[in-house]
Amino acid sequence: MRVHPVTLTALLCPPAVYILCLHLDLLDPISISVLEAATLSCSGMLMWLRSRYLASVYLNEREVRKAVFLRRVREDVAATGAAGAGFFEEDAEGAQRAPRTVARVAPVLPAFIACCFFLLSFYSLMVAVLSTVWHARSEPAVL
């Protein structure tokens, strides 16, 4: 199974940022959570853009297939009217096939992954906020 480079980038960015934080000794949970939230948000944006691209390719291909189908129907009706009574097999052989490109890949999975990334980003941001509140409350009051 081959994974698209955009999908691979979106999936590998959050662990890479986490490993980079550990390598740079950023062990503060607030910093890690904020950086994870930003990375997950960027990964979600990448996957959302990929799903929109696939959806637009799918819709464009659908329009072309519809146009090819309607042209074939018109040609068949014209051939039937001109020949008098029938459909010829050689006409079916010479008919142009509709294009088939990227539309075999549905835009649903990248959109679902994007939603998961956005939810994880929100979760990481909430962890950062709660860690900040917990840290602020645990500090002794300075007057």
N, C-alpha and C. Protein backbone atom coordinates (compact mmCIF):
# COMPACT_ATOMS: atom_id res chain seq x y z
N MET A 1 0.84 -1.18 0.00
CA MET A 1 0.00 0.00 0.00
C MET A 1 0.89 1.24 0.00
N ARG A 2 0.58 2.16 -0.89
CA ARG A 2 1.37 3.39 -1.02
C ARG A 2 0.65 4.54 -0.33
N VAL A 3 1.36 5.28 0.48
CA VAL A 3 0.79 6.42 1.19
C VAL A 3 1.21 7.70 0.47
N HIS A 4 0.25 8.58 0.28
CA HIS A 4 0.53 9.85 -0.40
C HIS A 4 1.49 10.68 0.47
N PRO A 5 2.42 11.42 -0.16
CA PRO A 5 3.40 12.21 0.63
C PRO A 5 2.76 13.25 1.54
N VAL A 6 1.65 13.85 1.13
CA VAL A 6 0.99 14.83 2.00
C VAL A 6 0.44 14.14 3.25
N THR A 7 -0.16 12.97 3.07
CA THR A 7 -0.68 12.21 4.20
C THR A 7 0.46 11.79 5.12
N LEU A 8 1.55 11.33 4.53
CA LEU A 8 2.70 10.92 5.32
C LEU A 8 3.27 12.09 6.12
N THR A 9 3.36 13.25 5.49
CA THR A 9 3.85 14.45 6.18
C THR A 9 2.94 14.81 7.34
N ALA A 10 1.63 14.78 7.09
CA ALA A 10 0.67 15.14 8.14
C ALA A 10 0.72 14.15 9.30
N LEU A 11 0.94 12.88 9.00
CA LEU A 11 0.98 11.88 10.06
C LEU A 11 2.29 11.89 10.85
N LEU A 12 3.39 12.26 10.19
CA LEU A 12 4.69 12.21 10.86
C LEU A 12 5.09 13.50 11.56
N CYS A 13 4.42 14.60 11.27
CA CYS A 13 4.79 15.87 11.91
C CYS A 13 4.59 15.88 13.43
N PRO A 14 3.43 15.46 13.96
CA PRO A 14 3.27 15.51 15.43
C PRO A 14 4.29 14.67 16.20
N PRO A 15 4.56 13.41 15.81
CA PRO A 15 5.61 12.69 16.55
C PRO A 15 6.99 13.32 16.40
N ALA A 16 7.26 13.89 15.23
CA ALA A 16 8.57 14.53 15.02
C ALA A 16 8.73 15.74 15.93
N VAL A 17 7.67 16.53 16.08
CA VAL A 17 7.74 17.70 16.97
C VAL A 17 7.90 17.25 18.42
N TYR A 18 7.21 16.19 18.80
CA TYR A 18 7.33 15.69 20.17
C TYR A 18 8.76 15.21 20.43
N ILE A 19 9.34 14.47 19.49
CA ILE A 19 10.73 14.01 19.64
C ILE A 19 11.69 15.19 19.66
N LEU A 20 11.42 16.20 18.84
CA LEU A 20 12.25 17.40 18.84
C LEU A 20 12.18 18.12 20.18
N CYS A 21 10.98 18.18 20.77
CA CYS A 21 10.84 18.80 22.09
C CYS A 21 11.65 18.04 23.14
N LEU A 22 11.60 16.72 23.07
CA LEU A 22 12.37 15.92 24.03
C LEU A 22 13.87 16.09 23.80
N HIS A 23 14.26 16.18 22.55
CA HIS A 23 15.68 16.34 22.22
C HIS A 23 16.21 17.70 22.68
N LEU A 24 15.37 18.73 22.61
CA LEU A 24 15.77 20.08 23.02
C LEU A 24 15.51 20.35 24.50
N ASP A 25 15.16 19.31 25.24
CA ASP A 25 14.89 19.39 26.68
C ASP A 25 13.75 20.34 27.02
N LEU A 26 12.75 20.39 26.18
CA LEU A 26 11.52 21.14 26.50
C LEU A 26 10.56 20.16 27.17
N LEU A 27 10.79 19.92 28.43
CA LEU A 27 9.99 18.95 29.16
C LEU A 27 8.81 19.59 29.87
N ASP A 28 8.66 20.88 29.72
CA ASP A 28 7.54 21.59 30.32
C ASP A 28 6.25 21.14 29.63
N PRO A 29 5.28 20.61 30.38
CA PRO A 29 4.05 20.09 29.74
C PRO A 29 3.26 21.17 28.99
N ILE A 30 3.36 22.40 29.46
CA ILE A 30 2.63 23.48 28.79
C ILE A 30 3.21 23.74 27.41
N SER A 31 4.53 23.84 27.33
CA SER A 31 5.18 24.07 26.03
C SER A 31 4.95 22.92 25.07
N ILE A 32 5.08 21.70 25.58
CA ILE A 32 4.86 20.53 24.73
C ILE A 32 3.43 20.51 24.22
N SER A 33 2.46 20.79 25.09
CA SER A 33 1.06 20.76 24.67
C SER A 33 0.75 21.84 23.64
N VAL A 34 1.30 23.03 23.83
CA VAL A 34 1.06 24.11 22.87
C VAL A 34 1.69 23.78 21.52
N LEU A 35 2.92 23.26 21.53
CA LEU A 35 3.57 22.89 20.27
C LEU A 35 2.84 21.73 19.59
N GLU A 36 2.38 20.76 20.38
CA GLU A 36 1.60 19.66 19.80
C GLU A 36 0.30 20.17 19.20
N ALA A 37 -0.36 21.10 19.90
CA ALA A 37 -1.61 21.65 19.37
C ALA A 37 -1.37 22.36 18.05
N ALA A 38 -0.29 23.13 17.97
CA ALA A 38 0.03 23.83 16.72
C ALA A 38 0.35 22.84 15.60
N THR A 39 1.12 21.82 15.92
CA THR A 39 1.48 20.83 14.90
C THR A 39 0.27 20.03 14.45
N LEU A 40 -0.56 19.62 15.39
CA LEU A 40 -1.77 18.87 15.03
C LEU A 40 -2.72 19.72 14.20
N SER A 41 -2.79 21.00 14.51
CA SER A 41 -3.63 21.90 13.72
C SER A 41 -3.09 22.03 12.29
N CYS A 42 -1.78 22.16 12.14
CA CYS A 42 -1.18 22.23 10.79
C CYS A 42 -1.39 20.92 10.03
N SER A 43 -1.25 19.79 10.72
CA SER A 43 -1.49 18.50 10.07
C SER A 43 -2.95 18.36 9.65
N GLY A 44 -3.85 18.83 10.50
CA GLY A 44 -5.26 18.81 10.15
C GLY A 44 -5.56 19.68 8.94
N MET A 45 -4.90 20.83 8.87
CA MET A 45 -5.09 21.71 7.71
C MET A 45 -4.57 21.04 6.43
N LEU A 46 -3.42 20.38 6.52
CA LEU A 46 -2.89 19.66 5.36
C LEU A 46 -3.87 18.59 4.87
N MET A 47 -4.39 17.81 5.80
CA MET A 47 -5.32 16.75 5.40
C MET A 47 -6.64 17.31 4.90
N TRP A 48 -7.08 18.42 5.48
CA TRP A 48 -8.32 19.04 4.99
C TRP A 48 -8.12 19.55 3.57
N LEU A 49 -6.98 20.19 3.29
CA LEU A 49 -6.70 20.66 1.93
C LEU A 49 -6.60 19.49 0.95
N ARG A 50 -6.02 18.39 1.40
CA ARG A 50 -5.95 17.20 0.52
C ARG A 50 -7.34 16.66 0.23
N SER A 51 -8.20 16.63 1.23
CA SER A 51 -9.56 16.13 0.99
C SER A 51 -10.33 17.06 0.05
N ARG A 52 -10.12 18.36 0.17
CA ARG A 52 -10.79 19.31 -0.74
C ARG A 52 -10.27 19.14 -2.16
N TYR A 53 -8.97 18.90 -2.31
CA TYR A 53 -8.40 18.67 -3.64
C TYR A 53 -9.01 17.42 -4.27
N LEU A 54 -9.07 16.33 -3.49
CA LEU A 54 -9.65 15.10 -4.02
C LEU A 54 -11.12 15.28 -4.36
N ALA A 55 -11.84 16.04 -3.55
CA ALA A 55 -13.26 16.28 -3.84
C ALA A 55 -13.42 17.08 -5.12
N SER A 56 -12.58 18.09 -5.34
CA SER A 56 -12.70 18.88 -6.57
C SER A 56 -12.33 18.05 -7.79
N VAL A 57 -11.31 17.20 -7.68
CA VAL A 57 -10.95 16.31 -8.79
C VAL A 57 -12.10 15.35 -9.08
N TYR A 58 -12.70 14.82 -8.01
CA TYR A 58 -13.82 13.89 -8.17
C TYR A 58 -14.99 14.58 -8.87
N LEU A 59 -15.32 15.80 -8.45
CA LEU A 59 -16.44 16.51 -9.08
C LEU A 59 -16.15 16.87 -10.53
N ASN A 60 -14.92 17.29 -10.82
CA ASN A 60 -14.56 17.59 -12.21
C ASN A 60 -14.65 16.35 -13.08
N GLU A 61 -14.15 15.24 -12.56
CA GLU A 61 -14.22 13.99 -13.32
C GLU A 61 -15.66 13.55 -13.52
N ARG A 62 -16.48 13.75 -12.52
CA ARG A 62 -17.89 13.39 -12.65
C ARG A 62 -18.57 14.20 -13.74
N GLU A 63 -18.25 15.49 -13.81
CA GLU A 63 -18.82 16.33 -14.86
C GLU A 63 -18.37 15.87 -16.25
N VAL A 64 -17.09 15.51 -16.38
CA VAL A 64 -16.58 15.03 -17.67
C VAL A 64 -17.25 13.71 -18.04
N ARG A 65 -17.39 12.80 -17.07
CA ARG A 65 -18.05 11.52 -17.35
C ARG A 65 -19.50 11.74 -17.75
N LYS A 66 -20.16 12.69 -17.12
CA LYS A 66 -21.55 12.99 -17.47
C LYS A 66 -21.63 13.53 -18.90
N ALA A 67 -20.69 14.42 -19.26
CA ALA A 67 -20.68 14.98 -20.61
C ALA A 67 -20.42 13.89 -21.65
N VAL A 68 -19.48 12.97 -21.35
CA VAL A 68 -19.19 11.86 -22.28
C VAL A 68 -20.41 10.96 -22.41
N PHE A 69 -21.08 10.68 -21.31
CA PHE A 69 -22.28 9.84 -21.35
C PHE A 69 -23.38 10.49 -22.18
N LEU A 70 -23.62 11.78 -21.96
CA LEU A 70 -24.66 12.47 -22.73
C LEU A 70 -24.31 12.52 -24.22
N ARG A 71 -23.03 12.71 -24.54
CA ARG A 71 -22.62 12.72 -25.94
C ARG A 71 -22.85 11.36 -26.58
N ARG A 72 -22.55 10.28 -25.84
CA ARG A 72 -22.79 8.93 -26.36
C ARG A 72 -24.28 8.69 -26.60
N VAL A 73 -25.10 9.14 -25.66
CA VAL A 73 -26.55 8.95 -25.81
C VAL A 73 -27.03 9.70 -27.04
N ARG A 74 -26.57 10.93 -27.23
CA ARG A 74 -26.98 11.70 -28.41
C ARG A 74 -26.52 11.02 -29.70
N GLU A 75 -25.27 10.51 -29.70
CA GLU A 75 -24.77 9.82 -30.88
C GLU A 75 -25.57 8.55 -31.15
N ASP A 76 -25.94 7.82 -30.08
CA ASP A 76 -26.73 6.60 -30.26
C ASP A 76 -28.11 6.92 -30.81
N VAL A 77 -28.71 7.98 -30.29
CA VAL A 77 -30.04 8.38 -30.79
C VAL A 77 -29.94 8.82 -32.24
N ALA A 78 -28.90 9.57 -32.57
CA ALA A 78 -28.73 10.02 -33.95
C ALA A 78 -28.45 8.84 -34.87
N ALA A 79 -27.63 7.87 -34.42
CA ALA A 79 -27.32 6.70 -35.23
C ALA A 79 -28.56 5.83 -35.41
N THR A 80 -29.36 5.70 -34.37
CA THR A 80 -30.58 4.91 -34.45
C THR A 80 -31.56 5.56 -35.42
N GLY A 81 -31.68 6.85 -35.34
CA GLY A 81 -32.59 7.56 -36.25
C GLY A 81 -32.11 7.50 -37.69
N ALA A 82 -30.80 7.59 -37.90
CA ALA A 82 -30.26 7.58 -39.26
C ALA A 82 -30.28 6.18 -39.86
N ALA A 83 -29.97 5.17 -39.05
CA ALA A 83 -29.91 3.81 -39.57
C ALA A 83 -31.30 3.21 -39.68
N GLY A 84 -32.22 3.73 -38.96
CA GLY A 84 -33.57 3.22 -39.07
C GLY A 84 -33.95 2.34 -37.91
N ALA A 85 -33.12 1.40 -37.55
CA ALA A 85 -33.61 0.50 -36.51
C ALA A 85 -32.51 -0.23 -35.78
N GLY A 86 -31.62 0.37 -35.18
CA GLY A 86 -30.73 -0.49 -34.42
C GLY A 86 -29.46 0.18 -33.95
N PHE A 87 -28.80 -0.55 -33.14
CA PHE A 87 -27.54 -0.12 -32.56
C PHE A 87 -26.46 -1.03 -33.10
N PHE A 88 -25.42 -0.46 -33.65
CA PHE A 88 -24.35 -1.25 -34.25
C PHE A 88 -23.24 -1.49 -33.24
N GLU A 89 -22.72 -2.71 -33.21
CA GLU A 89 -21.66 -3.06 -32.28
C GLU A 89 -20.36 -2.30 -32.56
N GLU A 90 -20.09 -2.03 -33.84
CA GLU A 90 -18.85 -1.32 -34.14
C GLU A 90 -18.88 0.11 -33.61
N ASP A 91 -20.08 0.68 -33.46
CA ASP A 91 -20.18 2.00 -32.85
C ASP A 91 -19.79 1.95 -31.38
N ALA A 92 -20.17 0.88 -30.71
CA ALA A 92 -19.84 0.74 -29.29
C ALA A 92 -18.34 0.54 -29.10
N GLU A 93 -17.70 -0.13 -30.03
CA GLU A 93 -16.26 -0.36 -29.93
C GLU A 93 -15.48 0.93 -30.11
N GLY A 94 -15.94 1.78 -31.01
CA GLY A 94 -15.21 3.01 -31.33
C GLY A 94 -15.53 4.17 -30.41
N ALA A 95 -16.44 3.96 -29.47
CA ALA A 95 -16.84 5.05 -28.59
C ALA A 95 -15.69 5.43 -27.65
N GLN A 96 -15.61 6.70 -27.37
CA GLN A 96 -14.55 7.20 -26.49
C GLN A 96 -14.90 6.88 -25.05
N ARG A 97 -13.89 6.43 -24.28
CA ARG A 97 -14.10 6.11 -22.87
C ARG A 97 -13.94 7.37 -22.03
N ALA A 98 -14.70 7.43 -20.98
CA ALA A 98 -14.60 8.57 -20.06
C ALA A 98 -13.29 8.47 -19.28
N PRO A 99 -12.69 9.59 -18.95
CA PRO A 99 -11.40 9.56 -18.23
C PRO A 99 -11.56 9.03 -16.82
N ARG A 100 -10.52 8.38 -16.35
CA ARG A 100 -10.51 7.84 -14.99
C ARG A 100 -9.20 8.26 -14.36
N THR A 101 -9.23 9.12 -13.36
CA THR A 101 -7.98 9.62 -12.77
C THR A 101 -7.93 9.35 -11.28
N VAL A 102 -7.77 10.38 -10.51
CA VAL A 102 -7.56 10.27 -9.07
C VAL A 102 -8.85 9.98 -8.32
N ALA A 103 -9.97 10.07 -8.98
CA ALA A 103 -11.25 10.00 -8.28
C ALA A 103 -11.52 8.64 -7.66
N ARG A 104 -10.67 7.66 -7.91
CA ARG A 104 -10.84 6.38 -7.24
C ARG A 104 -10.57 6.51 -5.75
N VAL A 105 -9.82 7.54 -5.38
CA VAL A 105 -9.53 7.80 -3.97
C VAL A 105 -10.61 8.72 -3.44
N ALA A 106 -11.35 8.25 -2.47
CA ALA A 106 -12.44 9.05 -1.91
C ALA A 106 -11.89 10.14 -0.99
N PRO A 107 -12.52 11.32 -0.99
CA PRO A 107 -12.05 12.40 -0.11
C PRO A 107 -12.51 12.23 1.34
N VAL A 108 -13.23 11.14 1.64
CA VAL A 108 -13.80 10.97 2.98
C VAL A 108 -12.72 10.67 4.02
N LEU A 109 -11.80 9.77 3.72
CA LEU A 109 -10.77 9.40 4.70
C LEU A 109 -9.86 10.57 5.07
N PRO A 110 -9.34 11.35 4.10
CA PRO A 110 -8.54 12.52 4.50
C PRO A 110 -9.34 13.53 5.32
N ALA A 111 -10.62 13.70 5.00
CA ALA A 111 -11.45 14.63 5.78
C ALA A 111 -11.64 14.10 7.21
N PHE A 112 -11.82 12.80 7.35
CA PHE A 112 -11.96 12.20 8.68
C PHE A 112 -10.67 12.36 9.49
N ILE A 113 -9.53 12.11 8.84
CA ILE A 113 -8.24 12.27 9.52
C ILE A 113 -8.03 13.73 9.92
N ALA A 114 -8.45 14.66 9.05
CA ALA A 114 -8.33 16.09 9.38
C ALA A 114 -9.17 16.42 10.61
N CYS A 115 -10.39 15.89 10.68
CA CYS A 115 -11.23 16.13 11.86
C CYS A 115 -10.58 15.56 13.12
N CYS A 116 -9.99 14.38 13.00
CA CYS A 116 -9.29 13.79 14.15
C CYS A 116 -8.12 14.65 14.59
N PHE A 117 -7.37 15.17 13.63
CA PHE A 117 -6.25 16.06 13.98
C PHE A 117 -6.75 17.33 14.66
N PHE A 118 -7.85 17.90 14.16
CA PHE A 118 -8.38 19.11 14.79
C PHE A 118 -8.87 18.83 16.21
N LEU A 119 -9.50 17.67 16.42
CA LEU A 119 -9.95 17.31 17.77
C LEU A 119 -8.76 17.09 18.70
N LEU A 120 -7.73 16.43 18.21
CA LEU A 120 -6.52 16.24 19.02
C LEU A 120 -5.83 17.57 19.32
N SER A 121 -5.88 18.49 18.36
CA SER A 121 -5.31 19.82 18.57
C SER A 121 -6.07 20.55 19.68
N PHE A 122 -7.39 20.46 19.63
CA PHE A 122 -8.21 21.08 20.67
C PHE A 122 -7.91 20.45 22.03
N TYR A 123 -7.77 19.12 22.05
CA TYR A 123 -7.45 18.42 23.29
C TYR A 123 -6.09 18.88 23.84
N SER A 124 -5.09 18.99 22.98
CA SER A 124 -3.76 19.43 23.43
C SER A 124 -3.81 20.86 23.95
N LEU A 125 -4.59 21.69 23.31
CA LEU A 125 -4.72 23.07 23.78
C LEU A 125 -5.41 23.12 25.14
N MET A 126 -6.42 22.28 25.35
CA MET A 126 -7.09 22.24 26.65
C MET A 126 -6.14 21.70 27.73
N VAL A 127 -5.30 20.74 27.38
CA VAL A 127 -4.30 20.23 28.33
C VAL A 127 -3.34 21.35 28.71
N ALA A 128 -2.94 22.15 27.73
CA ALA A 128 -2.04 23.28 28.02
C ALA A 128 -2.71 24.29 28.94
N VAL A 129 -3.97 24.59 28.68
CA VAL A 129 -4.70 25.56 29.52
C VAL A 129 -4.85 25.02 30.93
N LEU A 130 -5.26 23.76 31.06
CA LEU A 130 -5.43 23.18 32.39
C LEU A 130 -4.09 23.05 33.13
N SER A 131 -3.03 22.75 32.41
CA SER A 131 -1.70 22.70 33.05
C SER A 131 -1.28 24.07 33.54
N THR A 132 -1.60 25.10 32.76
CA THR A 132 -1.28 26.47 33.17
C THR A 132 -2.06 26.85 34.42
N VAL A 133 -3.35 26.52 34.44
CA VAL A 133 -4.18 26.83 35.62
C VAL A 133 -3.66 26.07 36.83
N TRP A 134 -3.36 24.78 36.66
CA TRP A 134 -2.86 23.99 37.77
C TRP A 134 -1.53 24.54 38.28
N HIS A 135 -0.65 24.94 37.35
CA HIS A 135 0.64 25.50 37.73
C HIS A 135 0.47 26.83 38.47
N ALA A 136 -0.46 27.66 38.00
CA ALA A 136 -0.69 28.96 38.64
C ALA A 136 -1.29 28.78 40.04
N ARG A 137 -2.14 27.79 40.22
CA ARG A 137 -2.75 27.58 41.53
C ARG A 137 -1.79 26.93 42.51
N SER A 138 -0.84 26.17 42.00
CA SER A 138 0.10 25.50 42.90
C SER A 138 1.22 26.42 43.37
N GLU A 139 1.41 27.55 42.69
CA GLU A 139 2.43 28.52 43.09
C GLU A 139 1.98 29.23 44.37
N PRO A 140 2.89 29.48 45.27
CA PRO A 140 2.50 30.24 46.46
C PRO A 140 2.22 31.70 46.08
N ALA A 141 1.29 32.27 46.76
CA ALA A 141 0.91 33.66 46.47
C ALA A 141 2.02 34.61 46.90
N VAL A 142 2.39 35.50 46.01
CA VAL A 142 3.42 36.49 46.29
C VAL A 142 2.72 37.84 46.39
N LEU A 143 2.87 38.48 47.52
CA LEU A 143 2.23 39.79 47.70
C LEU A 143 3.23 40.89 47.72
